[in-house]
Amino acid sequence: MSMDTADQETEPRRRGGPFKFWGEVRAEGRKITWATRQEVTVSTIMVLIMAVFAALFFFLVDLLAGGLIRWILNI
């Protein structure tokens, strides 16, 4: 049986262990630009406002659809 060349050309596994891994994770974490408190507050308020608008919209659509269906079934 012959083997594909793609099976033979696998990337060798890198060694390093868990300590090296967590060191790299911490190094990458330091590169992150974190949002400021003001940005988080504004974003949270925007999400809450949009959730209220979505809830009102779906409530009204449900109310209208329910009324329409009841009207059609009572005919």
C-alpha atoms as a PDB file:
ATOM      1  CA  MET A   1       0.000   0.000   0.000  1.00  0.00           C
ATOM      2  CA  SER A   2       1.360   3.416  -0.928  1.00  0.00           C
ATOM      3  CA  MET A   3       1.001   6.462   1.310  1.00  0.00           C
ATOM      4  CA  ASP A   4      -0.021   9.879   0.069  1.00  0.00           C
ATOM      5  CA  THR A   5       2.643  12.536   0.139  1.00  0.00           C
ATOM      6  CA  ALA A   6       0.233  14.778   2.062  1.00  0.00           C
ATOM      7  CA  ASP A   7       0.261  12.289   4.950  1.00  0.00           C
ATOM      8  CA  GLN A   8       4.052  12.389   5.075  1.00  0.00           C
ATOM      9  CA  GLU A   9       4.337  16.191   5.042  1.00  0.00           C
ATOM     10  CA  THR A  10       2.814  16.905   8.435  1.00  0.00           C
ATOM     11  CA  GLU A  11       4.128  19.731  10.546  1.00  0.00           C
ATOM     12  CA  PRO A  12       6.332  18.503  13.388  1.00  0.00           C
ATOM     13  CA  ARG A  13       4.889  18.984  16.875  1.00  0.00           C
ATOM     14  CA  ARG A  14       6.357  21.820  18.856  1.00  0.00           C
ATOM     15  CA  ARG A  15       7.495  21.040  22.364  1.00  0.00           C
ATOM     16  CA  GLY A  16       7.394  23.419  25.249  1.00  0.00           C
ATOM     17  CA  GLY A  17       5.053  22.214  27.910  1.00  0.00           C
ATOM     18  CA  PRO A  18       2.334  23.938  29.874  1.00  0.00           C
ATOM     19  CA  PHE A  19       4.600  26.548  31.466  1.00  0.00           C
ATOM     20  CA  LYS A  20       5.705  27.869  28.095  1.00  0.00           C
ATOM     21  CA  PHE A  21       2.098  27.809  26.869  1.00  0.00           C
ATOM     22  CA  TRP A  22       0.813  29.855  29.812  1.00  0.00           C
ATOM     23  CA  GLY A  23       3.722  32.257  29.452  1.00  0.00           C
ATOM     24  CA  GLU A  24       2.728  32.850  25.840  1.00  0.00           C
ATOM     25  CA  VAL A  25      -0.917  33.285  26.856  1.00  0.00           C
ATOM     26  CA  ARG A  26       0.071  35.954  29.399  1.00  0.00           C
ATOM     27  CA  ALA A  27       2.262  37.686  26.811  1.00  0.00           C
ATOM     28  CA  GLU A  28      -0.629  37.811  24.345  1.00  0.00           C
ATOM     29  CA  GLY A  29      -2.961  39.049  27.088  1.00  0.00           C
ATOM     30  CA  ARG A  30      -0.679  42.023  27.692  1.00  0.00           C
ATOM     31  CA  LYS A  31      -1.033  43.054  24.029  1.00  0.00           C
ATOM     32  CA  ILE A  32      -4.802  43.471  24.322  1.00  0.00           C
ATOM     33  CA  THR A  33      -6.187  47.000  24.250  1.00  0.00           C
ATOM     34  CA  TRP A  34      -8.879  46.871  26.915  1.00  0.00           C
ATOM     35  CA  ALA A  35     -11.955  49.088  26.758  1.00  0.00           C
ATOM     36  CA  THR A  36     -12.150  51.986  29.168  1.00  0.00           C
ATOM     37  CA  ARG A  37     -14.839  52.164  31.858  1.00  0.00           C
ATOM     38  CA  GLN A  38     -16.637  54.884  29.860  1.00  0.00           C
ATOM     39  CA  GLU A  39     -16.654  52.754  26.671  1.00  0.00           C
ATOM     40  CA  VAL A  40     -18.053  49.774  28.561  1.00  0.00           C
ATOM     41  CA  THR A  41     -20.730  51.924  30.229  1.00  0.00           C
ATOM     42  CA  VAL A  42     -21.831  53.510  26.939  1.00  0.00           C
ATOM     43  CA  SER A  43     -21.892  50.138  25.175  1.00  0.00           C
ATOM     44  CA  THR A  44     -23.921  48.578  28.000  1.00  0.00           C
ATOM     45  CA  ILE A  45     -26.466  51.383  27.913  1.00  0.00           C
ATOM     46  CA  MET A  46     -26.761  51.070  24.128  1.00  0.00           C
ATOM     47  CA  VAL A  47     -27.360  47.325  24.394  1.00  0.00           C
ATOM     48  CA  LEU A  48     -30.028  47.817  27.075  1.00  0.00           C
ATOM     49  CA  ILE A  49     -31.807  50.473  24.999  1.00  0.00           C
ATOM     50  CA  MET A  50     -31.763  48.240  21.910  1.00  0.00           C
ATOM     51  CA  ALA A  51     -33.085  45.312  23.961  1.00  0.00           C
ATOM     52  CA  VAL A  52     -36.000  47.462  25.174  1.00  0.00           C
ATOM     53  CA  PHE A  53     -36.765  48.585  21.604  1.00  0.00           C
ATOM     54  CA  ALA A  54     -36.609  44.992  20.352  1.00  0.00           C
ATOM     55  CA  ALA A  55     -38.890  43.818  23.158  1.00  0.00           C
ATOM     56  CA  LEU A  56     -41.428  46.559  22.390  1.00  0.00           C
ATOM     57  CA  PHE A  57     -41.292  45.828  18.671  1.00  0.00           C
ATOM     58  CA  PHE A  58     -41.876  42.094  19.115  1.00  0.00           C
ATOM     59  CA  PHE A  59     -44.617  42.751  21.686  1.00  0.00           C
ATOM     60  CA  LEU A  60     -46.455  44.987  19.218  1.00  0.00           C
ATOM     61  CA  VAL A  61     -45.995  42.549  16.329  1.00  0.00           C
ATOM     62  CA  ASP A  62     -47.277  39.705  18.514  1.00  0.00           C
ATOM     63  CA  LEU A  63     -50.230  41.803  19.661  1.00  0.00           C
ATOM     64  CA  LEU A  64     -51.172  42.738  16.088  1.00  0.00           C
ATOM     65  CA  ALA A  65     -50.676  39.218  14.732  1.00  0.00           C
ATOM     66  CA  GLY A  66     -52.707  37.724  17.576  1.00  0.00           C
ATOM     67  CA  GLY A  67     -55.534  40.213  17.035  1.00  0.00           C
ATOM     68  CA  LEU A  68     -55.518  39.551  13.299  1.00  0.00           C
ATOM     69  CA  ILE A  69     -55.648  35.787  13.781  1.00  0.00           C
ATOM     70  CA  ARG A  70     -58.486  36.085  16.335  1.00  0.00           C
ATOM     71  CA  TRP A  71     -60.403  38.365  13.936  1.00  0.00           C
ATOM     72  CA  ILE A  72     -59.923  35.894  11.029  1.00  0.00           C
ATOM     73  CA  LEU A  73     -60.996  32.891  13.144  1.00  0.00           C
ATOM     74  CA  ASN A  74     -64.121  34.694  14.436  1.00  0.00           C
ATOM     75  CA  ILE A  75     -65.410  35.450  10.934  1.00  0.00           C
END
